[in-house]
Amino acid sequence: MRLLQSRCFGQLPRVAALAGLLVVVVLACSAGGARAADPAIVFLDRVAKEAILAARSQSPSALQGVIARYADAPAIGAYALGDYRARLEPADREAYNAGMMRFIGRYAATEAPKYPVLRVTFAPDVRQTRAGIIVDSTIVMQDGGNYDVAWLLTRSGTGYRIRDAQVMSFWLTSFLKKLFEDYIGQNNGSVKALVLVLQRH
């Protein structure tokens, strides 16, 4: 797993720290609360409250649990494989998705303390798009910096799942896709190699 991280994350700009920043931005939502009645914003606020408790515990497994409950793991996992998607064996799909969630949760637990948040504000209206529901927000950090973050949600039954987040014009799952595609490419196109390394950690 260290090799997987060092080969790919080390080559990307800071905003590319997908897992850490994605969860940190979720945590930031708890700083402002959800005052709007829109169900999508209420959903994000609920996720945030659980995530901040998990982050305070400094437990990778706790953050993994939050991610597993609220992320659209099948959609994120399929997208992250890119051109190699068809090579994932059906028998490996569950192990792959579970391993991906553990990987993101472990990285998030490492990165979360590095991004102290002051407050967050949500736009009053959500946007309906062909890809899903977008919720716009602004995250203000304690050092005075700020990020405009757009959340992409998909519907799941009567609720929602987090499909992606856009920070500084980058959709964060694109970095996970690069990470996984690079690793598979460096292992002779073997998706099984990625599944195995994700299972070991």
N, C-alpha and C. Protein backbone atom coordinates (compact mmCIF):
# COMPACT_ATOMS: atom_id res chain seq x y z
N MET A 1 0.83 -1.21 0.00
CA MET A 1 0.00 0.00 0.00
C MET A 1 0.86 1.26 0.00
N ARG A 2 1.97 1.23 0.77
CA ARG A 2 2.86 2.39 0.77
C ARG A 2 3.38 2.65 -0.64
N LEU A 3 3.69 1.56 -1.37
CA LEU A 3 4.17 1.70 -2.73
C LEU A 3 3.11 2.30 -3.61
N LEU A 4 1.87 1.86 -3.44
CA LEU A 4 0.76 2.39 -4.22
C LEU A 4 0.63 3.89 -3.99
N GLN A 5 0.73 4.32 -2.72
CA GLN A 5 0.60 5.74 -2.42
C GLN A 5 1.78 6.53 -2.95
N SER A 6 3.01 6.04 -2.72
CA SER A 6 4.19 6.82 -3.07
C SER A 6 4.35 6.97 -4.57
N ARG A 7 3.96 5.97 -5.32
CA ARG A 7 4.11 6.04 -6.77
C ARG A 7 3.19 7.09 -7.39
N CYS A 8 2.02 7.26 -6.80
CA CYS A 8 1.01 8.07 -7.46
C CYS A 8 0.65 9.34 -6.71
N PHE A 9 0.32 9.24 -5.43
CA PHE A 9 -0.06 10.45 -4.69
C PHE A 9 1.10 11.42 -4.64
N GLY A 10 2.32 10.90 -4.52
CA GLY A 10 3.47 11.78 -4.43
C GLY A 10 3.70 12.60 -5.68
N GLN A 11 3.12 12.23 -6.80
CA GLN A 11 3.31 12.92 -8.05
C GLN A 11 2.22 13.95 -8.33
N LEU A 12 1.24 14.08 -7.44
CA LEU A 12 0.10 14.95 -7.68
C LEU A 12 0.16 16.17 -6.79
N PRO A 13 -0.48 17.29 -7.20
CA PRO A 13 -0.52 18.46 -6.34
C PRO A 13 -1.33 18.19 -5.09
N ARG A 14 -1.23 19.12 -4.13
CA ARG A 14 -1.85 18.90 -2.81
C ARG A 14 -3.35 18.64 -2.92
N VAL A 15 -4.00 19.35 -3.85
CA VAL A 15 -5.45 19.16 -3.98
C VAL A 15 -5.80 17.76 -4.42
N ALA A 16 -4.82 17.03 -4.95
CA ALA A 16 -5.07 15.67 -5.43
C ALA A 16 -5.12 14.64 -4.33
N ALA A 17 -4.91 15.05 -3.09
CA ALA A 17 -4.99 14.11 -1.98
C ALA A 17 -6.46 13.75 -1.78
N LEU A 18 -6.96 12.93 -2.68
CA LEU A 18 -8.38 12.63 -2.77
C LEU A 18 -9.02 12.28 -1.45
N ALA A 19 -8.56 11.24 -0.85
CA ALA A 19 -9.25 10.73 0.32
C ALA A 19 -9.21 11.70 1.48
N GLY A 20 -8.02 12.22 1.76
CA GLY A 20 -7.91 13.14 2.87
C GLY A 20 -8.75 14.38 2.69
N LEU A 21 -8.64 15.02 1.55
CA LEU A 21 -9.36 16.26 1.34
C LEU A 21 -10.86 16.01 1.24
N LEU A 22 -11.25 14.92 0.62
CA LEU A 22 -12.67 14.62 0.49
C LEU A 22 -13.32 14.51 1.85
N VAL A 23 -12.70 13.75 2.75
CA VAL A 23 -13.28 13.58 4.08
C VAL A 23 -13.14 14.85 4.89
N VAL A 24 -12.00 15.56 4.76
CA VAL A 24 -11.82 16.81 5.49
C VAL A 24 -12.90 17.82 5.12
N VAL A 25 -13.22 17.88 3.84
CA VAL A 25 -14.26 18.81 3.42
C VAL A 25 -15.62 18.39 3.96
N VAL A 26 -15.87 17.08 4.03
CA VAL A 26 -17.10 16.62 4.67
C VAL A 26 -17.13 17.06 6.12
N LEU A 27 -15.99 16.91 6.82
CA LEU A 27 -15.91 17.32 8.21
C LEU A 27 -16.21 18.80 8.34
N ALA A 28 -15.76 19.58 7.38
CA ALA A 28 -15.96 21.02 7.45
C ALA A 28 -17.42 21.40 7.49
N CYS A 29 -18.26 20.59 6.91
CA CYS A 29 -19.68 20.91 6.88
C CYS A 29 -20.27 21.00 8.28
N SER A 30 -19.69 20.28 9.23
CA SER A 30 -20.22 20.32 10.58
C SER A 30 -19.96 21.65 11.25
N ALA A 31 -19.02 22.44 10.72
CA ALA A 31 -18.70 23.72 11.35
C ALA A 31 -19.82 24.73 11.18
N GLY A 32 -20.59 24.60 10.09
CA GLY A 32 -21.63 25.57 9.85
C GLY A 32 -23.03 25.04 10.08
N GLY A 33 -23.19 23.74 9.98
CA GLY A 33 -24.52 23.17 10.17
C GLY A 33 -25.37 23.34 8.94
N ALA A 34 -26.47 22.61 8.87
CA ALA A 34 -27.37 22.69 7.72
C ALA A 34 -28.62 23.45 8.14
N ARG A 35 -28.69 24.71 7.74
CA ARG A 35 -29.85 25.52 8.09
C ARG A 35 -30.96 25.40 7.05
N ALA A 36 -30.58 25.00 5.84
CA ALA A 36 -31.56 24.90 4.78
C ALA A 36 -32.36 23.61 4.95
N ALA A 37 -33.56 23.62 4.42
CA ALA A 37 -34.44 22.47 4.58
C ALA A 37 -34.26 21.44 3.47
N ASP A 38 -33.47 21.78 2.44
CA ASP A 38 -33.34 20.85 1.33
C ASP A 38 -32.78 19.51 1.83
N PRO A 39 -33.39 18.41 1.45
CA PRO A 39 -32.96 17.10 1.95
C PRO A 39 -31.50 16.77 1.64
N ALA A 40 -31.00 17.24 0.50
CA ALA A 40 -29.61 16.95 0.14
C ALA A 40 -28.64 17.62 1.11
N ILE A 41 -28.95 18.83 1.55
CA ILE A 41 -28.09 19.53 2.50
C ILE A 41 -28.22 18.91 3.88
N VAL A 42 -29.43 18.53 4.24
CA VAL A 42 -29.63 17.83 5.51
C VAL A 42 -28.81 16.53 5.54
N PHE A 43 -28.79 15.83 4.42
CA PHE A 43 -28.00 14.60 4.30
C PHE A 43 -26.52 14.89 4.54
N LEU A 44 -25.97 15.91 3.88
CA LEU A 44 -24.56 16.23 4.05
C LEU A 44 -24.23 16.61 5.50
N ASP A 45 -25.14 17.30 6.13
CA ASP A 45 -24.91 17.67 7.52
C ASP A 45 -24.86 16.42 8.41
N ARG A 46 -25.72 15.45 8.15
CA ARG A 46 -25.71 14.21 8.93
C ARG A 46 -24.40 13.46 8.73
N VAL A 47 -23.94 13.39 7.47
CA VAL A 47 -22.66 12.76 7.19
C VAL A 47 -21.55 13.46 7.96
N ALA A 48 -21.57 14.80 7.94
CA ALA A 48 -20.53 15.58 8.59
C ALA A 48 -20.44 15.30 10.07
N LYS A 49 -21.58 15.23 10.73
CA LYS A 49 -21.57 15.00 12.18
C LYS A 49 -20.96 13.65 12.52
N GLU A 50 -21.27 12.64 11.72
CA GLU A 50 -20.68 11.33 11.96
C GLU A 50 -19.19 11.33 11.64
N ALA A 51 -18.82 12.04 10.58
CA ALA A 51 -17.42 12.05 10.15
C ALA A 51 -16.53 12.77 11.15
N ILE A 52 -17.01 13.86 11.72
CA ILE A 52 -16.16 14.59 12.66
C ILE A 52 -15.94 13.78 13.93
N LEU A 53 -16.93 13.04 14.36
CA LEU A 53 -16.75 12.17 15.52
C LEU A 53 -15.72 11.08 15.20
N ALA A 54 -15.80 10.55 13.99
CA ALA A 54 -14.84 9.52 13.59
C ALA A 54 -13.43 10.09 13.51
N ALA A 55 -13.30 11.31 12.99
CA ALA A 55 -11.98 11.93 12.87
C ALA A 55 -11.38 12.21 14.24
N ARG A 56 -12.20 12.66 15.17
CA ARG A 56 -11.71 12.94 16.52
C ARG A 56 -11.21 11.68 17.22
N SER A 57 -11.76 10.55 16.83
CA SER A 57 -11.32 9.29 17.43
C SER A 57 -9.96 8.86 16.89
N GLN A 58 -9.51 9.49 15.78
CA GLN A 58 -8.25 9.15 15.12
C GLN A 58 -8.20 7.68 14.75
N SER A 59 -9.35 7.15 14.43
CA SER A 59 -9.46 5.73 14.08
C SER A 59 -9.72 5.57 12.59
N PRO A 60 -8.77 4.98 11.85
CA PRO A 60 -9.03 4.74 10.42
C PRO A 60 -10.30 3.92 10.19
N SER A 61 -10.55 2.94 11.04
CA SER A 61 -11.73 2.08 10.84
C SER A 61 -13.01 2.88 11.03
N ALA A 62 -13.01 3.87 11.94
CA ALA A 62 -14.20 4.69 12.13
C ALA A 62 -14.48 5.52 10.90
N LEU A 63 -13.44 6.11 10.32
CA LEU A 63 -13.63 6.89 9.09
C LEU A 63 -14.02 5.98 7.93
N GLN A 64 -13.44 4.80 7.88
CA GLN A 64 -13.83 3.85 6.84
C GLN A 64 -15.31 3.52 6.94
N GLY A 65 -15.81 3.42 8.16
CA GLY A 65 -17.23 3.12 8.35
C GLY A 65 -18.11 4.22 7.82
N VAL A 66 -17.74 5.47 8.07
CA VAL A 66 -18.52 6.61 7.57
C VAL A 66 -18.51 6.61 6.04
N ILE A 67 -17.33 6.41 5.48
CA ILE A 67 -17.21 6.40 4.02
C ILE A 67 -18.05 5.28 3.42
N ALA A 68 -17.97 4.10 4.03
CA ALA A 68 -18.72 2.95 3.52
C ALA A 68 -20.23 3.18 3.57
N ARG A 69 -20.69 3.89 4.61
CA ARG A 69 -22.13 4.13 4.76
C ARG A 69 -22.64 5.16 3.76
N TYR A 70 -21.83 6.14 3.40
CA TYR A 70 -22.37 7.28 2.67
C TYR A 70 -21.78 7.51 1.28
N ALA A 71 -20.67 6.88 0.95
CA ALA A 71 -20.11 7.04 -0.39
C ALA A 71 -20.79 6.08 -1.36
N ASP A 72 -20.87 6.48 -2.61
CA ASP A 72 -21.41 5.61 -3.66
C ASP A 72 -20.27 4.72 -4.14
N ALA A 73 -19.89 3.74 -3.32
CA ALA A 73 -18.71 2.92 -3.57
C ALA A 73 -18.74 2.21 -4.92
N PRO A 74 -19.85 1.57 -5.33
CA PRO A 74 -19.83 0.90 -6.63
C PRO A 74 -19.56 1.85 -7.80
N ALA A 75 -20.16 3.03 -7.76
CA ALA A 75 -19.95 3.99 -8.85
C ALA A 75 -18.54 4.54 -8.83
N ILE A 76 -18.04 4.89 -7.64
CA ILE A 76 -16.68 5.41 -7.53
C ILE A 76 -15.67 4.35 -7.95
N GLY A 77 -15.88 3.13 -7.48
CA GLY A 77 -14.95 2.04 -7.80
C GLY A 77 -14.91 1.74 -9.28
N ALA A 78 -16.05 1.70 -9.92
CA ALA A 78 -16.09 1.43 -11.37
C ALA A 78 -15.39 2.54 -12.14
N TYR A 79 -15.67 3.79 -11.77
CA TYR A 79 -15.03 4.92 -12.45
C TYR A 79 -13.52 4.90 -12.27
N ALA A 80 -13.06 4.56 -11.06
CA ALA A 80 -11.63 4.61 -10.75
C ALA A 80 -10.82 3.61 -11.56
N LEU A 81 -11.45 2.56 -12.06
CA LEU A 81 -10.74 1.58 -12.88
C LEU A 81 -10.54 2.06 -14.31
N GLY A 82 -11.27 3.07 -14.73
CA GLY A 82 -11.09 3.63 -16.06
C GLY A 82 -11.21 2.59 -17.16
N ASP A 83 -10.21 2.56 -18.04
CA ASP A 83 -10.23 1.64 -19.17
C ASP A 83 -10.08 0.18 -18.76
N TYR A 84 -9.72 -0.05 -17.51
CA TYR A 84 -9.54 -1.43 -17.03
C TYR A 84 -10.79 -1.99 -16.38
N ARG A 85 -11.87 -1.25 -16.41
CA ARG A 85 -13.09 -1.65 -15.69
C ARG A 85 -13.57 -3.05 -16.07
N ALA A 86 -13.53 -3.36 -17.36
CA ALA A 86 -14.03 -4.66 -17.81
C ALA A 86 -13.17 -5.83 -17.33
N ARG A 87 -11.96 -5.55 -16.85
CA ARG A 87 -11.07 -6.61 -16.40
C ARG A 87 -11.30 -7.01 -14.94
N LEU A 88 -12.16 -6.30 -14.25
CA LEU A 88 -12.46 -6.68 -12.87
C LEU A 88 -13.39 -7.88 -12.88
N GLU A 89 -12.93 -8.97 -12.32
CA GLU A 89 -13.74 -10.19 -12.27
C GLU A 89 -14.92 -9.98 -11.32
N PRO A 90 -16.12 -10.44 -11.71
CA PRO A 90 -17.29 -10.29 -10.81
C PRO A 90 -17.03 -10.82 -9.41
N ALA A 91 -16.26 -11.90 -9.30
CA ALA A 91 -15.98 -12.48 -7.99
C ALA A 91 -15.09 -11.57 -7.13
N ASP A 92 -14.38 -10.62 -7.77
CA ASP A 92 -13.48 -9.73 -7.04
C ASP A 92 -14.12 -8.38 -6.71
N ARG A 93 -15.33 -8.13 -7.21
CA ARG A 93 -15.92 -6.80 -7.08
C ARG A 93 -16.11 -6.38 -5.62
N GLU A 94 -16.63 -7.30 -4.81
CA GLU A 94 -16.87 -6.95 -3.41
C GLU A 94 -15.56 -6.66 -2.68
N ALA A 95 -14.55 -7.50 -2.91
CA ALA A 95 -13.25 -7.30 -2.26
C ALA A 95 -12.60 -6.00 -2.74
N TYR A 96 -12.75 -5.69 -4.01
CA TYR A 96 -12.19 -4.46 -4.56
C TYR A 96 -12.83 -3.23 -3.92
N ASN A 97 -14.15 -3.19 -3.87
CA ASN A 97 -14.84 -2.03 -3.29
C ASN A 97 -14.52 -1.88 -1.80
N ALA A 98 -14.48 -2.99 -1.08
CA ALA A 98 -14.16 -2.94 0.34
C ALA A 98 -12.72 -2.45 0.55
N GLY A 99 -11.80 -2.95 -0.27
CA GLY A 99 -10.41 -2.52 -0.17
C GLY A 99 -10.24 -1.06 -0.50
N MET A 100 -10.97 -0.59 -1.50
CA MET A 100 -10.91 0.83 -1.87
C MET A 100 -11.39 1.70 -0.71
N MET A 101 -12.48 1.30 -0.05
CA MET A 101 -12.99 2.06 1.08
C MET A 101 -11.98 2.08 2.24
N ARG A 102 -11.32 0.96 2.49
CA ARG A 102 -10.30 0.93 3.54
C ARG A 102 -9.15 1.86 3.19
N PHE A 103 -8.74 1.84 1.94
CA PHE A 103 -7.63 2.68 1.48
C PHE A 103 -7.97 4.15 1.68
N ILE A 104 -9.16 4.56 1.27
CA ILE A 104 -9.57 5.95 1.42
C ILE A 104 -9.67 6.31 2.90
N GLY A 105 -10.25 5.43 3.70
CA GLY A 105 -10.41 5.71 5.12
C GLY A 105 -9.08 5.86 5.82
N ARG A 106 -8.11 5.01 5.51
CA ARG A 106 -6.80 5.08 6.14
C ARG A 106 -6.10 6.38 5.75
N TYR A 107 -6.18 6.74 4.49
CA TYR A 107 -5.54 7.98 4.05
C TYR A 107 -6.23 9.19 4.68
N ALA A 108 -7.54 9.13 4.77
CA ALA A 108 -8.29 10.23 5.38
C ALA A 108 -7.90 10.42 6.83
N ALA A 109 -7.72 9.32 7.57
CA ALA A 109 -7.34 9.42 8.98
C ALA A 109 -5.99 10.09 9.15
N THR A 110 -5.10 9.90 8.18
CA THR A 110 -3.79 10.53 8.22
C THR A 110 -3.85 12.01 7.89
N GLU A 111 -4.69 12.37 6.92
CA GLU A 111 -4.71 13.74 6.41
C GLU A 111 -5.62 14.68 7.17
N ALA A 112 -6.68 14.17 7.78
CA ALA A 112 -7.69 15.04 8.38
C ALA A 112 -7.14 16.07 9.36
N PRO A 113 -6.21 15.72 10.25
CA PRO A 113 -5.74 16.72 11.21
C PRO A 113 -4.97 17.88 10.59
N LYS A 114 -4.58 17.75 9.33
CA LYS A 114 -3.75 18.78 8.70
C LYS A 114 -4.55 19.96 8.16
N TYR A 115 -5.89 19.87 8.19
CA TYR A 115 -6.73 20.89 7.55
C TYR A 115 -7.74 21.46 8.54
N PRO A 116 -7.30 22.34 9.47
CA PRO A 116 -8.24 22.91 10.43
C PRO A 116 -9.23 23.86 9.75
N VAL A 117 -10.51 23.66 10.03
CA VAL A 117 -11.58 24.39 9.35
C VAL A 117 -12.20 25.41 10.30
N LEU A 118 -12.50 26.60 9.78
CA LEU A 118 -13.16 27.63 10.57
C LEU A 118 -14.67 27.56 10.41
N ARG A 119 -15.14 27.55 9.17
CA ARG A 119 -16.59 27.51 8.94
C ARG A 119 -16.89 27.07 7.51
N VAL A 120 -18.16 26.81 7.27
CA VAL A 120 -18.64 26.45 5.94
C VAL A 120 -19.98 27.11 5.70
N THR A 121 -20.24 27.46 4.45
CA THR A 121 -21.57 27.95 4.07
C THR A 121 -22.04 27.17 2.86
N PHE A 122 -23.34 26.87 2.85
CA PHE A 122 -23.97 26.18 1.72
C PHE A 122 -24.73 27.19 0.88
N ALA A 123 -24.71 26.98 -0.42
CA ALA A 123 -25.60 27.75 -1.29
C ALA A 123 -27.04 27.36 -0.96
N PRO A 124 -27.98 28.31 -1.06
CA PRO A 124 -29.36 28.00 -0.64
C PRO A 124 -30.08 27.01 -1.55
N ASP A 125 -29.62 26.89 -2.80
CA ASP A 125 -30.31 26.02 -3.75
C ASP A 125 -29.38 24.94 -4.25
N VAL A 126 -29.92 23.74 -4.45
CA VAL A 126 -29.15 22.66 -5.06
C VAL A 126 -29.39 22.68 -6.55
N ARG A 127 -28.50 22.02 -7.29
CA ARG A 127 -28.61 21.99 -8.75
C ARG A 127 -28.86 20.56 -9.21
N GLN A 128 -29.86 20.40 -10.05
CA GLN A 128 -30.16 19.10 -10.63
C GLN A 128 -29.44 18.99 -11.97
N THR A 129 -28.60 17.96 -12.14
CA THR A 129 -27.88 17.75 -13.38
C THR A 129 -28.09 16.33 -13.86
N ARG A 130 -27.64 16.03 -15.06
CA ARG A 130 -27.76 14.67 -15.58
C ARG A 130 -26.93 13.69 -14.76
N ALA A 131 -25.84 14.18 -14.16
CA ALA A 131 -24.97 13.30 -13.37
C ALA A 131 -25.52 13.06 -11.97
N GLY A 132 -26.34 13.98 -11.48
CA GLY A 132 -26.88 13.86 -10.14
C GLY A 132 -27.20 15.22 -9.55
N ILE A 133 -27.26 15.30 -8.24
CA ILE A 133 -27.60 16.53 -7.53
C ILE A 133 -26.32 17.18 -7.05
N ILE A 134 -26.16 18.47 -7.32
CA ILE A 134 -24.95 19.19 -6.91
C ILE A 134 -25.30 20.19 -5.82
N VAL A 135 -24.54 20.13 -4.73
CA VAL A 135 -24.67 21.06 -3.62
C VAL A 135 -23.39 21.89 -3.55
N ASP A 136 -23.51 23.21 -3.67
CA ASP A 136 -22.34 24.09 -3.62
C ASP A 136 -22.07 24.55 -2.20
N SER A 137 -20.79 24.65 -1.85
CA SER A 137 -20.43 25.12 -0.52
C SER A 137 -19.10 25.87 -0.59
N THR A 138 -18.84 26.67 0.44
CA THR A 138 -17.55 27.34 0.59
C THR A 138 -16.96 26.97 1.94
N ILE A 139 -15.75 26.44 1.92
CA ILE A 139 -15.06 26.04 3.13
C ILE A 139 -14.00 27.09 3.45
N VAL A 140 -14.03 27.62 4.67
CA VAL A 140 -13.05 28.60 5.11
C VAL A 140 -12.14 27.94 6.14
N MET A 141 -10.83 27.96 5.86
CA MET A 141 -9.87 27.34 6.75
C MET A 141 -9.41 28.33 7.82
N GLN A 142 -8.83 27.82 8.90
CA GLN A 142 -8.39 28.68 9.99
C GLN A 142 -7.23 29.58 9.59
N ASP A 143 -6.48 29.19 8.56
CA ASP A 143 -5.37 30.03 8.11
C ASP A 143 -5.82 31.12 7.15
N GLY A 144 -7.13 31.24 6.93
CA GLY A 144 -7.67 32.27 6.06
C GLY A 144 -7.93 31.81 4.64
N GLY A 145 -7.40 30.66 4.25
CA GLY A 145 -7.68 30.14 2.92
C GLY A 145 -9.09 29.63 2.81
N ASN A 146 -9.57 29.47 1.58
CA ASN A 146 -10.92 28.94 1.40
C ASN A 146 -10.99 28.11 0.13
N TYR A 147 -11.96 27.21 0.11
CA TYR A 147 -12.19 26.34 -1.04
C TYR A 147 -13.67 26.39 -1.40
N ASP A 148 -13.95 26.54 -2.69
CA ASP A 148 -15.31 26.34 -3.17
C ASP A 148 -15.44 24.86 -3.52
N VAL A 149 -16.39 24.22 -2.91
CA VAL A 149 -16.56 22.77 -3.09
C VAL A 149 -17.96 22.48 -3.60
N ALA A 150 -18.04 21.75 -4.68
CA ALA A 150 -19.33 21.29 -5.21
C ALA A 150 -19.45 19.80 -4.96
N TRP A 151 -20.51 19.40 -4.26
CA TRP A 151 -20.75 18.00 -3.94
C TRP A 151 -21.68 17.38 -4.97
N LEU A 152 -21.31 16.23 -5.49
CA LEU A 152 -22.17 15.49 -6.41
C LEU A 152 -22.79 14.32 -5.66
N LEU A 153 -24.10 14.34 -5.56
CA LEU A 153 -24.84 13.28 -4.87
C LEU A 153 -25.66 12.46 -5.86
N THR A 154 -25.78 11.18 -5.58
CA THR A 154 -26.69 10.33 -6.35
C THR A 154 -27.78 9.85 -5.41
N ARG A 155 -28.93 9.56 -5.96
CA ARG A 155 -30.03 9.06 -5.14
C ARG A 155 -29.84 7.57 -4.85
N SER A 156 -30.19 7.19 -3.64
CA SER A 156 -30.12 5.79 -3.22
C SER A 156 -31.37 5.49 -2.42
N GLY A 157 -32.34 4.86 -3.07
CA GLY A 157 -33.63 4.65 -2.43
C GLY A 157 -34.28 5.99 -2.14
N THR A 158 -34.59 6.23 -0.89
CA THR A 158 -35.18 7.52 -0.51
C THR A 158 -34.13 8.51 -0.03
N GLY A 159 -32.84 8.10 -0.06
CA GLY A 159 -31.78 8.96 0.41
C GLY A 159 -30.77 9.29 -0.67
N TYR A 160 -29.52 9.51 -0.25
CA TYR A 160 -28.47 9.94 -1.16
C TYR A 160 -27.17 9.20 -0.85
N ARG A 161 -26.26 9.27 -1.82
CA ARG A 161 -24.89 8.82 -1.65
C ARG A 161 -23.98 9.90 -2.23
N ILE A 162 -22.77 10.01 -1.67
CA ILE A 162 -21.79 10.96 -2.21
C ILE A 162 -21.05 10.28 -3.35
N ARG A 163 -21.14 10.87 -4.53
CA ARG A 163 -20.50 10.32 -5.72
C ARG A 163 -19.16 10.99 -6.00
N ASP A 164 -19.04 12.28 -5.68
CA ASP A 164 -17.81 12.99 -6.01
C ASP A 164 -17.83 14.35 -5.34
N ALA A 165 -16.70 15.05 -5.39
CA ALA A 165 -16.61 16.43 -4.91
C ALA A 165 -15.64 17.17 -5.80
N GLN A 166 -15.98 18.40 -6.13
CA GLN A 166 -15.14 19.22 -7.00
C GLN A 166 -14.49 20.32 -6.17
N VAL A 167 -13.16 20.35 -6.16
CA VAL A 167 -12.39 21.34 -5.41
C VAL A 167 -11.41 22.00 -6.37
N MET A 168 -11.40 23.34 -6.39
CA MET A 168 -10.49 24.08 -7.26
C MET A 168 -10.58 23.57 -8.70
N SER A 169 -11.80 23.34 -9.16
CA SER A 169 -12.14 22.91 -10.52
C SER A 169 -11.82 21.44 -10.80
N PHE A 170 -11.27 20.71 -9.83
CA PHE A 170 -10.94 19.30 -10.03
C PHE A 170 -11.99 18.41 -9.38
N TRP A 171 -12.51 17.45 -10.17
CA TRP A 171 -13.34 16.40 -9.59
C TRP A 171 -12.40 15.38 -8.95
N LEU A 172 -12.56 15.15 -7.66
CA LEU A 172 -11.56 14.42 -6.90
C LEU A 172 -11.44 12.95 -7.30
N THR A 173 -12.52 12.33 -7.77
CA THR A 173 -12.39 10.93 -8.16
C THR A 173 -11.49 10.76 -9.38
N SER A 174 -11.24 11.84 -10.11
CA SER A 174 -10.32 11.74 -11.25
C SER A 174 -8.91 11.41 -10.77
N PHE A 175 -8.55 11.84 -9.56
CA PHE A 175 -7.24 11.53 -9.03
C PHE A 175 -7.16 10.08 -8.56
N LEU A 176 -8.24 9.57 -8.00
CA LEU A 176 -8.27 8.17 -7.63
C LEU A 176 -8.17 7.30 -8.89
N LYS A 177 -8.82 7.73 -9.95
CA LYS A 177 -8.75 7.02 -11.23
C LYS A 177 -7.31 6.97 -11.73
N LYS A 178 -6.61 8.10 -11.68
CA LYS A 178 -5.22 8.12 -12.13
C LYS A 178 -4.36 7.20 -11.27
N LEU A 179 -4.59 7.26 -9.97
CA LEU A 179 -3.84 6.42 -9.03
C LEU A 179 -3.99 4.95 -9.38
N PHE A 180 -5.23 4.50 -9.56
CA PHE A 180 -5.49 3.08 -9.81
C PHE A 180 -5.05 2.68 -11.21
N GLU A 181 -5.33 3.52 -12.20
CA GLU A 181 -4.91 3.18 -13.57
C GLU A 181 -3.40 3.07 -13.67
N ASP A 182 -2.69 3.98 -13.03
CA ASP A 182 -1.22 3.92 -13.06
C ASP A 182 -0.71 2.64 -12.42
N TYR A 183 -1.30 2.27 -11.29
CA TYR A 183 -0.84 1.06 -10.61
C TYR A 183 -1.11 -0.18 -11.46
N ILE A 184 -2.30 -0.24 -12.05
CA ILE A 184 -2.62 -1.39 -12.91
C ILE A 184 -1.68 -1.43 -14.11
N GLY A 185 -1.45 -0.27 -14.72
CA GLY A 185 -0.55 -0.22 -15.87
C GLY A 185 0.86 -0.67 -15.54
N GLN A 186 1.31 -0.33 -14.32
CA GLN A 186 2.65 -0.73 -13.89
C GLN A 186 2.72 -2.21 -13.53
N ASN A 187 1.55 -2.87 -13.48
CA ASN A 187 1.49 -4.29 -13.17
C ASN A 187 0.89 -5.07 -14.34
N ASN A 188 1.33 -4.70 -15.53
CA ASN A 188 0.98 -5.43 -16.75
C ASN A 188 -0.53 -5.49 -17.00
N GLY A 189 -1.25 -4.44 -16.59
CA GLY A 189 -2.68 -4.39 -16.85
C GLY A 189 -3.50 -5.31 -15.98
N SER A 190 -2.94 -5.75 -14.86
CA SER A 190 -3.64 -6.71 -13.99
C SER A 190 -4.47 -5.98 -12.94
N VAL A 191 -5.79 -6.03 -13.08
CA VAL A 191 -6.68 -5.49 -12.04
C VAL A 191 -6.56 -6.33 -10.78
N LYS A 192 -6.30 -7.62 -10.96
CA LYS A 192 -6.14 -8.51 -9.80
C LYS A 192 -5.02 -8.03 -8.90
N ALA A 193 -3.95 -7.48 -9.47
CA ALA A 193 -2.84 -6.97 -8.66
C ALA A 193 -3.31 -5.84 -7.76
N LEU A 194 -4.17 -4.98 -8.30
CA LEU A 194 -4.71 -3.88 -7.48
C LEU A 194 -5.61 -4.43 -6.39
N VAL A 195 -6.48 -5.38 -6.74
CA VAL A 195 -7.38 -5.98 -5.75
C VAL A 195 -6.57 -6.59 -4.61
N LEU A 196 -5.50 -7.26 -4.94
CA LEU A 196 -4.69 -7.94 -3.92
C LEU A 196 -3.99 -6.95 -3.00
N VAL A 197 -3.47 -5.86 -3.57
CA VAL A 197 -2.77 -4.90 -2.72
C VAL A 197 -3.77 -4.15 -1.83
N LEU A 198 -4.98 -3.91 -2.33
CA LEU A 198 -6.00 -3.29 -1.51
C LEU A 198 -6.48 -4.22 -0.39
N GLN A 199 -6.50 -5.51 -0.66
CA GLN A 199 -6.93 -6.48 0.35
C GLN A 199 -5.92 -6.62 1.48
N ARG A 200 -4.65 -6.35 1.18
CA ARG A 200 -3.62 -6.56 2.19
C ARG A 200 -3.56 -5.45 3.22
N HIS A 201 -4.26 -4.36 3.00
CA HIS A 201 -4.15 -3.21 3.90
C HIS A 201 -5.52 -2.69 4.30
